[in-house]
Amino acid sequence: MNDKKGYVYILFNKRNGTLYTGVTSFLKRRVYEHKTKLHPDSFTAKYSIDKLGYYEVYERITDAIAREKQIKGGSRTAKLALIEGLNPDWRDLYYEL
């Protein structure tokens, strides 16, 4: 059984811009990888999606993966509502981790 913590996150490139939803077991490192374009051919690198707008913490990575699928299956409006609810000023939350 995998007892690793999990994080679901939404990145953006500008307010109301392009969004990316992901999941990881180490949020700060993963967002840093997006910021430094570790994978230069990736969607996030191509569209400069590197600002952390929203995240959720789970005790188990499996729960985070299930939530990621739920968020990805939802509408853009729902994703924007998540960001606006937690982060109405659209700050880059990476610097607050």
PDB file of N, CA and C in Angstrom:
ATOM      1  N   MET A   1       0.840  -1.192   0.000  1.00  0.00           N
ATOM      2  CA  MET A   1       0.000   0.000   0.000  1.00  0.00           C
ATOM      3  C   MET A   1       0.879   1.248   0.000  1.00  0.00           C
ATOM      4  N   ASN A   2       0.502   2.238  -0.779  1.00  0.00           N
ATOM      5  CA  ASN A   2       1.284   3.461  -0.893  1.00  0.00           C
ATOM      6  C   ASN A   2       0.718   4.528   0.042  1.00  0.00           C
ATOM      7  N   ASP A   3       1.483   4.875   1.071  1.00  0.00           N
ATOM      8  CA  ASP A   3       1.020   5.848   2.054  1.00  0.00           C
ATOM      9  C   ASP A   3       1.633   7.228   1.834  1.00  0.00           C
ATOM     10  N   LYS A   4       2.173   7.461   0.663  1.00  0.00           N
ATOM     11  CA  LYS A   4       2.762   8.751   0.353  1.00  0.00           C
ATOM     12  C   LYS A   4       1.680   9.823   0.252  1.00  0.00           C
ATOM     13  N   LYS A   5       1.996  11.036   0.735  1.00  0.00           N
ATOM     14  CA  LYS A   5       1.064  12.155   0.561  1.00  0.00           C
ATOM     15  C   LYS A   5       0.926  12.469  -0.921  1.00  0.00           C
ATOM     16  N   GLY A   6      -0.172  13.109  -1.259  1.00  0.00           N
ATOM     17  CA  GLY A   6      -0.391  13.492  -2.635  1.00  0.00           C
ATOM     18  C   GLY A   6      -0.926  14.905  -2.739  1.00  0.00           C
ATOM     19  N   TYR A   7      -0.654  15.528  -3.850  1.00  0.00           N
ATOM     20  CA  TYR A   7      -1.104  16.885  -4.114  1.00  0.00           C
ATOM     21  C   TYR A   7      -1.726  16.943  -5.506  1.00  0.00           C
ATOM     22  N   VAL A   8      -2.847  17.604  -5.598  1.00  0.00           N
ATOM     23  CA  VAL A   8      -3.446  17.943  -6.887  1.00  0.00           C
ATOM     24  C   VAL A   8      -3.232  19.434  -7.049  1.00  0.00           C
ATOM     25  N   TYR A   9      -2.854  19.863  -8.240  1.00  0.00           N
ATOM     26  CA  TYR A   9      -2.569  21.281  -8.417  1.00  0.00           C
ATOM     27  C   TYR A   9      -3.063  21.777  -9.770  1.00  0.00           C
ATOM     28  N   ILE A  10      -3.305  23.074  -9.821  1.00  0.00           N
ATOM     29  CA  ILE A  10      -3.659  23.729 -11.085  1.00  0.00           C
ATOM     30  C   ILE A  10      -2.661  24.851 -11.307  1.00  0.00           C
ATOM     31  N   LEU A  11      -2.025  24.816 -12.465  1.00  0.00           N
ATOM     32  CA  LEU A  11      -1.105  25.869 -12.880  1.00  0.00           C
ATOM     33  C   LEU A  11      -1.793  26.765 -13.904  1.00  0.00           C
ATOM     34  N   PHE A  12      -1.293  27.990 -14.022  1.00  0.00           N
ATOM     35  CA  PHE A  12      -1.794  28.920 -15.038  1.00  0.00           C
ATOM     36  C   PHE A  12      -0.631  29.729 -15.586  1.00  0.00           C
ATOM     37  N   ASN A  13      -0.857  30.356 -16.740  1.00  0.00           N
ATOM     38  CA  ASN A  13       0.195  31.212 -17.295  1.00  0.00           C
ATOM     39  C   ASN A  13      -0.109  32.695 -17.097  1.00  0.00           C
ATOM     40  N   LYS A  14      -1.377  33.047 -17.010  1.00  0.00           N
ATOM     41  CA  LYS A  14      -1.805  34.412 -16.703  1.00  0.00           C
ATOM     42  C   LYS A  14      -3.244  34.324 -16.213  1.00  0.00           C
ATOM     43  N   ARG A  15      -3.735  35.363 -15.601  1.00  0.00           N
ATOM     44  CA  ARG A  15      -5.092  35.361 -15.078  1.00  0.00           C
ATOM     45  C   ARG A  15      -6.075  34.982 -16.182  1.00  0.00           C
ATOM     46  N   ASN A  16      -6.914  33.996 -15.909  1.00  0.00           N
ATOM     47  CA  ASN A  16      -7.887  33.480 -16.874  1.00  0.00           C
ATOM     48  C   ASN A  16      -7.245  32.939 -18.149  1.00  0.00           C
ATOM     49  N   GLY A  17      -5.975  32.584 -18.073  1.00  0.00           N
ATOM     50  CA  GLY A  17      -5.260  32.059 -19.236  1.00  0.00           C
ATOM     51  C   GLY A  17      -5.371  30.548 -19.339  1.00  0.00           C
ATOM     52  N   THR A  18      -4.336  29.942 -19.894  1.00  0.00           N
ATOM     53  CA  THR A  18      -4.293  28.500 -20.082  1.00  0.00           C
ATOM     54  C   THR A  18      -4.029  27.808 -18.741  1.00  0.00           C
ATOM     55  N   LEU A  19      -4.742  26.708 -18.508  1.00  0.00           N
ATOM     56  CA  LEU A  19      -4.641  25.974 -17.247  1.00  0.00           C
ATOM     57  C   LEU A  19      -4.061  24.585 -17.467  1.00  0.00           C
ATOM     58  N   TYR A  20      -3.451  24.066 -16.414  1.00  0.00           N
ATOM     59  CA  TYR A  20      -2.936  22.694 -16.421  1.00  0.00           C
ATOM     60  C   TYR A  20      -3.208  22.092 -15.049  1.00  0.00           C
ATOM     61  N   THR A  21      -3.784  20.913 -15.018  1.00  0.00           N
ATOM     62  CA  THR A  21      -4.045  20.205 -13.768  1.00  0.00           C
ATOM     63  C   THR A  21      -3.111  19.005 -13.673  1.00  0.00           C
ATOM     64  N   GLY A  22      -2.461  18.849 -12.525  1.00  0.00           N
ATOM     65  CA  GLY A  22      -1.539  17.745 -12.337  1.00  0.00           C
ATOM     66  C   GLY A  22      -1.635  17.154 -10.945  1.00  0.00           C
ATOM     67  N   VAL A  23      -0.867  16.096 -10.729  1.00  0.00           N
ATOM     68  CA  VAL A  23      -0.805  15.419  -9.438  1.00  0.00           C
ATOM     69  C   VAL A  23       0.653  15.062  -9.166  1.00  0.00           C
ATOM     70  N   THR A  24       1.055  15.102  -7.903  1.00  0.00           N
ATOM     71  CA  THR A  24       2.435  14.805  -7.531  1.00  0.00           C
ATOM     72  C   THR A  24       2.504  14.410  -6.063  1.00  0.00           C
ATOM     73  N   SER A  25       3.617  13.835  -5.674  1.00  0.00           N
ATOM     74  CA  SER A  25       3.839  13.539  -4.262  1.00  0.00           C
ATOM     75  C   SER A  25       4.769  14.571  -3.617  1.00  0.00           C
ATOM     76  N   PHE A  26       5.321  15.493  -4.427  1.00  0.00           N
ATOM     77  CA  PHE A  26       6.216  16.523  -3.896  1.00  0.00           C
ATOM     78  C   PHE A  26       5.933  17.824  -4.656  1.00  0.00           C
ATOM     79  N   LEU A  27       5.012  18.615  -4.134  1.00  0.00           N
ATOM     80  CA  LEU A  27       4.481  19.770  -4.857  1.00  0.00           C
ATOM     81  C   LEU A  27       5.538  20.814  -5.195  1.00  0.00           C
ATOM     82  N   LYS A  28       6.329  21.219  -4.237  1.00  0.00           N
ATOM     83  CA  LYS A  28       7.297  22.293  -4.488  1.00  0.00           C
ATOM     84  C   LYS A  28       8.281  21.903  -5.588  1.00  0.00           C
ATOM     85  N   ARG A  29       8.792  20.673  -5.529  1.00  0.00           N
ATOM     86  CA  ARG A  29       9.728  20.223  -6.569  1.00  0.00           C
ATOM     87  C   ARG A  29       9.054  20.172  -7.938  1.00  0.00           C
ATOM     88  N   ARG A  30       7.822  19.668  -7.984  1.00  0.00           N
ATOM     89  CA  ARG A  30       7.134  19.522  -9.270  1.00  0.00           C
ATOM     90  C   ARG A  30       6.851  20.870  -9.907  1.00  0.00           C
ATOM     91  N   VAL A  31       6.412  21.842  -9.120  1.00  0.00           N
ATOM     92  CA  VAL A  31       6.163  23.179  -9.683  1.00  0.00           C
ATOM     93  C   VAL A  31       7.477  23.799 -10.141  1.00  0.00           C
ATOM     94  N   TYR A  32       8.547  23.584  -9.386  1.00  0.00           N
ATOM     95  CA  TYR A  32       9.862  24.078  -9.796  1.00  0.00           C
ATOM     96  C   TYR A  32      10.254  23.487 -11.154  1.00  0.00           C
ATOM     97  N   GLU A  33       9.954  22.212 -11.351  1.00  0.00           N
ATOM     98  CA  GLU A  33      10.248  21.576 -12.643  1.00  0.00           C
ATOM     99  C   GLU A  33       9.467  22.246 -13.769  1.00  0.00           C
ATOM    100  N   HIS A  34       8.219  22.625 -13.503  1.00  0.00           N
ATOM    101  CA  HIS A  34       7.445  23.362 -14.515  1.00  0.00           C
ATOM    102  C   HIS A  34       8.084  24.726 -14.760  1.00  0.00           C
ATOM    103  N   LYS A  35       8.472  25.419 -13.703  1.00  0.00           N
ATOM    104  CA  LYS A  35       9.051  26.758 -13.827  1.00  0.00           C
ATOM    105  C   LYS A  35      10.346  26.753 -14.628  1.00  0.00           C
ATOM    106  N   THR A  36      11.149  25.714 -14.450  1.00  0.00           N
ATOM    107  CA  THR A  36      12.440  25.642 -15.140  1.00  0.00           C
ATOM    108  C   THR A  36      12.358  24.904 -16.467  1.00  0.00           C
ATOM    109  N   LYS A  37      11.142  24.520 -16.852  1.00  0.00           N
ATOM    110  CA  LYS A  37      10.911  23.821 -18.117  1.00  0.00           C
ATOM    111  C   LYS A  37      11.805  22.586 -18.236  1.00  0.00           C
ATOM    112  N   LEU A  38      11.795  21.778 -17.178  1.00  0.00           N
ATOM    113  CA  LEU A  38      12.587  20.547 -17.147  1.00  0.00           C
ATOM    114  C   LEU A  38      12.293  19.673 -18.362  1.00  0.00           C
ATOM    115  N   HIS A  39      11.042  19.650 -18.787  1.00  0.00           N
ATOM    116  CA  HIS A  39      10.637  18.896 -19.979  1.00  0.00           C
ATOM    117  C   HIS A  39      10.246  19.919 -21.045  1.00  0.00           C
ATOM    118  N   PRO A  40      11.214  20.380 -21.848  1.00  0.00           N
ATOM    119  CA  PRO A  40      10.992  21.507 -22.770  1.00  0.00           C
ATOM    120  C   PRO A  40       9.932  21.272 -23.848  1.00  0.00           C
ATOM    121  N   ASP A  41       9.604  20.023 -24.134  1.00  0.00           N
ATOM    122  CA  ASP A  41       8.598  19.749 -25.162  1.00  0.00           C
ATOM    123  C   ASP A  41       7.205  19.546 -24.566  1.00  0.00           C
ATOM    124  N   SER A  42       7.066  19.742 -23.268  1.00  0.00           N
ATOM    125  CA  SER A  42       5.781  19.507 -22.603  1.00  0.00           C
ATOM    126  C   SER A  42       4.782  20.630 -22.884  1.00  0.00           C
ATOM    127  N   PHE A  43       3.527  20.337 -22.638  1.00  0.00           N
ATOM    128  CA  PHE A  43       2.445  21.315 -22.789  1.00  0.00           C
ATOM    129  C   PHE A  43       2.710  22.558 -21.937  1.00  0.00           C
ATOM    130  N   THR A  44       3.122  22.339 -20.679  1.00  0.00           N
ATOM    131  CA  THR A  44       3.333  23.487 -19.793  1.00  0.00           C
ATOM    132  C   THR A  44       4.506  24.352 -20.248  1.00  0.00           C
ATOM    133  N   ALA A  45       5.544  23.726 -20.754  1.00  0.00           N
ATOM    134  CA  ALA A  45       6.689  24.494 -21.255  1.00  0.00           C
ATOM    135  C   ALA A  45       6.299  25.274 -22.508  1.00  0.00           C
ATOM    136  N   LYS A  46       5.589  24.632 -23.400  1.00  0.00           N
ATOM    137  CA  LYS A  46       5.193  25.262 -24.661  1.00  0.00           C
ATOM    138  C   LYS A  46       4.368  26.529 -24.436  1.00  0.00           C
ATOM    139  N   TYR A  47       3.487  26.501 -23.432  1.00  0.00           N
ATOM    140  CA  TYR A  47       2.595  27.633 -23.175  1.00  0.00           C
ATOM    141  C   TYR A  47       2.995  28.436 -21.932  1.00  0.00           C
ATOM    142  N   SER A  48       4.196  28.220 -21.413  1.00  0.00           N
ATOM    143  CA  SER A  48       4.707  28.927 -20.228  1.00  0.00           C
ATOM    144  C   SER A  48       3.723  28.900 -19.062  1.00  0.00           C
ATOM    145  N   ILE A  49       3.201  27.716 -18.791  1.00  0.00           N
ATOM    146  CA  ILE A  49       2.255  27.525 -17.686  1.00  0.00           C
ATOM    147  C   ILE A  49       3.084  27.126 -16.468  1.00  0.00           C
ATOM    148  N   ASP A  50       3.361  28.089 -15.602  1.00  0.00           N
ATOM    149  CA  ASP A  50       4.293  27.825 -14.512  1.00  0.00           C
ATOM    150  C   ASP A  50       3.935  28.521 -13.198  1.00  0.00           C
ATOM    151  N   LYS A  51       2.713  29.015 -13.079  1.00  0.00           N
ATOM    152  CA  LYS A  51       2.294  29.671 -11.841  1.00  0.00           C
ATOM    153  C   LYS A  51       1.286  28.780 -11.116  1.00  0.00           C
ATOM    154  N   LEU A  52       1.538  28.542  -9.840  1.00  0.00           N
ATOM    155  CA  LEU A  52       0.671  27.684  -9.036  1.00  0.00           C
ATOM    156  C   LEU A  52      -0.527  28.499  -8.554  1.00  0.00           C
ATOM    157  N   GLY A  53      -1.702  28.139  -9.063  1.00  0.00           N
ATOM    158  CA  GLY A  53      -2.905  28.886  -8.713  1.00  0.00           C
ATOM    159  C   GLY A  53      -3.764  28.225  -7.674  1.00  0.00           C
ATOM    160  N   TYR A  54      -3.620  26.888  -7.538  1.00  0.00           N
ATOM    161  CA  TYR A  54      -4.509  26.139  -6.657  1.00  0.00           C
ATOM    162  C   TYR A  54      -3.878  24.798  -6.339  1.00  0.00           C
ATOM    163  N   TYR A  55      -4.099  24.319  -5.121  1.00  0.00           N
ATOM    164  CA  TYR A  55      -3.680  22.950  -4.805  1.00  0.00           C
ATOM    165  C   TYR A  55      -4.491  22.399  -3.647  1.00  0.00           C
ATOM    166  N   GLU A  56      -4.519  21.081  -3.583  1.00  0.00           N
ATOM    167  CA  GLU A  56      -5.160  20.345  -2.496  1.00  0.00           C
ATOM    168  C   GLU A  56      -4.160  19.307  -2.002  1.00  0.00           C
ATOM    169  N   VAL A  57      -4.209  19.010  -0.711  1.00  0.00           N
ATOM    170  CA  VAL A  57      -3.301  18.037  -0.093  1.00  0.00           C
ATOM    171  C   VAL A  57      -4.110  16.817   0.339  1.00  0.00           C
ATOM    172  N   TYR A  58      -3.569  15.635   0.074  1.00  0.00           N
ATOM    173  CA  TYR A  58      -4.210  14.376   0.450  1.00  0.00           C
ATOM    174  C   TYR A  58      -3.224  13.506   1.218  1.00  0.00           C
ATOM    175  N   GLU A  59      -3.729  12.747   2.153  1.00  0.00           N
ATOM    176  CA  GLU A  59      -2.877  11.843   2.938  1.00  0.00           C
ATOM    177  C   GLU A  59      -2.329  10.699   2.088  1.00  0.00           C
ATOM    178  N   ARG A  60      -3.067  10.331   1.042  1.00  0.00           N
ATOM    179  CA  ARG A  60      -2.630   9.235   0.166  1.00  0.00           C
ATOM    180  C   ARG A  60      -2.594   9.707  -1.282  1.00  0.00           C
ATOM    181  N   ILE A  61      -1.549   9.331  -1.980  1.00  0.00           N
ATOM    182  CA  ILE A  61      -1.401   9.715  -3.388  1.00  0.00           C
ATOM    183  C   ILE A  61      -2.550   9.161  -4.224  1.00  0.00           C
ATOM    184  N   THR A  62      -3.070   8.011  -3.856  1.00  0.00           N
ATOM    185  CA  THR A  62      -4.174   7.433  -4.625  1.00  0.00           C
ATOM    186  C   THR A  62      -5.415   8.327  -4.572  1.00  0.00           C
ATOM    187  N   ASP A  63      -5.640   8.972  -3.430  1.00  0.00           N
ATOM    188  CA  ASP A  63      -6.767   9.909  -3.317  1.00  0.00           C
ATOM    189  C   ASP A  63      -6.530  11.141  -4.189  1.00  0.00           C
ATOM    190  N   ALA A  64      -5.289  11.594  -4.223  1.00  0.00           N
ATOM    191  CA  ALA A  64      -4.946  12.748  -5.062  1.00  0.00           C
ATOM    192  C   ALA A  64      -5.141  12.421  -6.544  1.00  0.00           C
ATOM    193  N   ILE A  65      -4.773  11.230  -6.946  1.00  0.00           N
ATOM    194  CA  ILE A  65      -4.942  10.816  -8.345  1.00  0.00           C
ATOM    195  C   ILE A  65      -6.423  10.774  -8.704  1.00  0.00           C
ATOM    196  N   ALA A  66      -7.242  10.262  -7.809  1.00  0.00           N
ATOM    197  CA  ALA A  66      -8.691  10.221  -8.065  1.00  0.00           C
ATOM    198  C   ALA A  66      -9.259  11.634  -8.197  1.00  0.00           C
ATOM    199  N   ARG A  67      -8.803  12.535  -7.346  1.00  0.00           N
ATOM    200  CA  ARG A  67      -9.281  13.924  -7.405  1.00  0.00           C
ATOM    201  C   ARG A  67      -8.803  14.610  -8.688  1.00  0.00           C
ATOM    202  N   GLU A  68      -7.579  14.330  -9.100  1.00  0.00           N
ATOM    203  CA  GLU A  68      -7.065  14.912 -10.344  1.00  0.00           C
ATOM    204  C   GLU A  68      -7.964  14.517 -11.516  1.00  0.00           C
ATOM    205  N   LYS A  69      -8.341  13.260 -11.565  1.00  0.00           N
ATOM    206  CA  LYS A  69      -9.215  12.793 -12.651  1.00  0.00           C
ATOM    207  C   LYS A  69     -10.555  13.511 -12.605  1.00  0.00           C
ATOM    208  N   GLN A  70     -11.062  13.729 -11.396  1.00  0.00           N
ATOM    209  CA  GLN A  70     -12.334  14.437 -11.241  1.00  0.00           C
ATOM    210  C   GLN A  70     -12.214  15.884 -11.744  1.00  0.00           C
ATOM    211  N   ILE A  71     -11.151  16.564 -11.357  1.00  0.00           N
ATOM    212  CA  ILE A  71     -10.957  17.955 -11.791  1.00  0.00           C
ATOM    213  C   ILE A  71     -10.757  18.020 -13.295  1.00  0.00           C
ATOM    214  N   LYS A  72      -9.920  17.141 -13.842  1.00  0.00           N
ATOM    215  CA  LYS A  72      -9.674  17.138 -15.286  1.00  0.00           C
ATOM    216  C   LYS A  72     -10.946  16.861 -16.076  1.00  0.00           C
ATOM    217  N   GLY A  73     -11.839  16.066 -15.505  1.00  0.00           N
ATOM    218  CA  GLY A  73     -13.096  15.745 -16.171  1.00  0.00           C
ATOM    219  C   GLY A  73     -14.127  16.856 -16.070  1.00  0.00           C
ATOM    220  N   GLY A  74     -13.860  17.829 -15.236  1.00  0.00           N
ATOM    221  CA  GLY A  74     -14.791  18.939 -15.046  1.00  0.00           C
ATOM    222  C   GLY A  74     -14.586  20.041 -16.075  1.00  0.00           C
ATOM    223  N   SER A  75     -15.392  21.030 -15.972  1.00  0.00           N
ATOM    224  CA  SER A  75     -15.356  22.146 -16.928  1.00  0.00           C
ATOM    225  C   SER A  75     -14.255  23.145 -16.579  1.00  0.00           C
ATOM    226  N   ARG A  76     -13.904  23.951 -17.543  1.00  0.00           N
ATOM    227  CA  ARG A  76     -12.968  25.052 -17.313  1.00  0.00           C
ATOM    228  C   ARG A  76     -13.540  25.999 -16.261  1.00  0.00           C
ATOM    229  N   THR A  77     -14.834  26.243 -16.330  1.00  0.00           N
ATOM    230  CA  THR A  77     -15.493  27.117 -15.361  1.00  0.00           C
ATOM    231  C   THR A  77     -15.294  26.597 -13.941  1.00  0.00           C
ATOM    232  N   ALA A  78     -15.399  25.284 -13.763  1.00  0.00           N
ATOM    233  CA  ALA A  78     -15.198  24.688 -12.440  1.00  0.00           C
ATOM    234  C   ALA A  78     -13.754  24.875 -11.971  1.00  0.00           C
ATOM    235  N   LYS A  79     -12.799  24.733 -12.875  1.00  0.00           N
ATOM    236  CA  LYS A  79     -11.386  24.924 -12.519  1.00  0.00           C
ATOM    237  C   LYS A  79     -11.134  26.378 -12.133  1.00  0.00           C
ATOM    238  N   LEU A  80     -11.692  27.304 -12.906  1.00  0.00           N
ATOM    239  CA  LEU A  80     -11.530  28.723 -12.575  1.00  0.00           C
ATOM    240  C   LEU A  80     -12.147  29.033 -11.215  1.00  0.00           C
ATOM    241  N   ALA A  81     -13.278  28.402 -10.897  1.00  0.00           N
ATOM    242  CA  ALA A  81     -13.931  28.612  -9.606  1.00  0.00           C
ATOM    243  C   ALA A  81     -13.049  28.109  -8.452  1.00  0.00           C
ATOM    244  N   LEU A  82     -12.344  26.995  -8.662  1.00  0.00           N
ATOM    245  CA  LEU A  82     -11.428  26.499  -7.638  1.00  0.00           C
ATOM    246  C   LEU A  82     -10.327  27.525  -7.372  1.00  0.00           C
ATOM    247  N   ILE A  83      -9.734  28.036  -8.435  1.00  0.00           N
ATOM    248  CA  ILE A  83      -8.669  29.041  -8.283  1.00  0.00           C
ATOM    249  C   ILE A  83      -9.222  30.289  -7.599  1.00  0.00           C
ATOM    250  N   GLU A  84     -10.319  30.808  -8.112  1.00  0.00           N
ATOM    251  CA  GLU A  84     -10.896  32.038  -7.563  1.00  0.00           C
ATOM    252  C   GLU A  84     -11.280  31.879  -6.094  1.00  0.00           C
ATOM    253  N   GLY A  85     -11.734  30.680  -5.702  1.00  0.00           N
ATOM    254  CA  GLY A  85     -12.137  30.445  -4.321  1.00  0.00           C
ATOM    255  C   GLY A  85     -10.965  30.470  -3.347  1.00  0.00           C
ATOM    256  N   LEU A  86      -9.854  29.893  -3.749  1.00  0.00           N
ATOM    257  CA  LEU A  86      -8.669  29.829  -2.891  1.00  0.00           C
ATOM    258  C   LEU A  86      -7.762  31.036  -3.079  1.00  0.00           C
ATOM    259  N   ASN A  87      -7.722  31.549  -4.281  1.00  0.00           N
ATOM    260  CA  ASN A  87      -6.683  32.494  -4.672  1.00  0.00           C
ATOM    261  C   ASN A  87      -7.273  33.585  -5.589  1.00  0.00           C
ATOM    262  N   PRO A  88      -8.172  34.420  -5.060  1.00  0.00           N
ATOM    263  CA  PRO A  88      -8.862  35.403  -5.909  1.00  0.00           C
ATOM    264  C   PRO A  88      -7.942  36.430  -6.571  1.00  0.00           C
ATOM    265  N   ASP A  89      -6.761  36.632  -6.017  1.00  0.00           N
ATOM    266  CA  ASP A  89      -5.816  37.583  -6.609  1.00  0.00           C
ATOM    267  C   ASP A  89      -4.897  36.941  -7.644  1.00  0.00           C
ATOM    268  N   TRP A  90      -5.056  35.647  -7.865  1.00  0.00           N
ATOM    269  CA  TRP A  90      -4.236  34.902  -8.830  1.00  0.00           C
ATOM    270  C   TRP A  90      -2.742  35.067  -8.528  1.00  0.00           C
ATOM    271  N   ARG A  91      -2.389  34.955  -7.245  1.00  0.00           N
ATOM    272  CA  ARG A  91      -0.969  34.967  -6.861  1.00  0.00           C
ATOM    273  C   ARG A  91      -0.334  33.639  -7.289  1.00  0.00           C
ATOM    274  N   ASP A  92       0.966  33.655  -7.464  1.00  0.00           N
ATOM    275  CA  ASP A  92       1.697  32.413  -7.700  1.00  0.00           C
ATOM    276  C   ASP A  92       1.974  31.808  -6.327  1.00  0.00           C
ATOM    277  N   LEU A  93       1.204  30.804  -5.944  1.00  0.00           N
ATOM    278  CA  LEU A  93       1.277  30.223  -4.614  1.00  0.00           C
ATOM    279  C   LEU A  93       2.575  29.451  -4.358  1.00  0.00           C
ATOM    280  N   TYR A  94       3.340  29.201  -5.399  1.00  0.00           N
ATOM    281  CA  TYR A  94       4.613  28.504  -5.250  1.00  0.00           C
ATOM    282  C   TYR A  94       5.482  29.192  -4.200  1.00  0.00           C
ATOM    283  N   TYR A  95       5.487  30.510  -4.212  1.00  0.00           N
ATOM    284  CA  TYR A  95       6.356  31.274  -3.318  1.00  0.00           C
ATOM    285  C   TYR A  95       5.848  31.284  -1.883  1.00  0.00           C
ATOM    286  N   GLU A  96       4.673  30.709  -1.651  1.00  0.00           N
ATOM    287  CA  GLU A  96       4.117  30.622  -0.305  1.00  0.00           C
ATOM    288  C   GLU A  96       4.203  29.199   0.257  1.00  0.00           C
ATOM    289  N   LEU A  97       4.760  28.272  -0.514  1.00  0.00           N
ATOM    290  CA  LEU A  97       4.867  26.877  -0.047  1.00  0.00           C
ATOM    291  C   LEU A  97       5.950  26.756   1.029  1.00  0.00           C
TER     292      LEU A  97
END
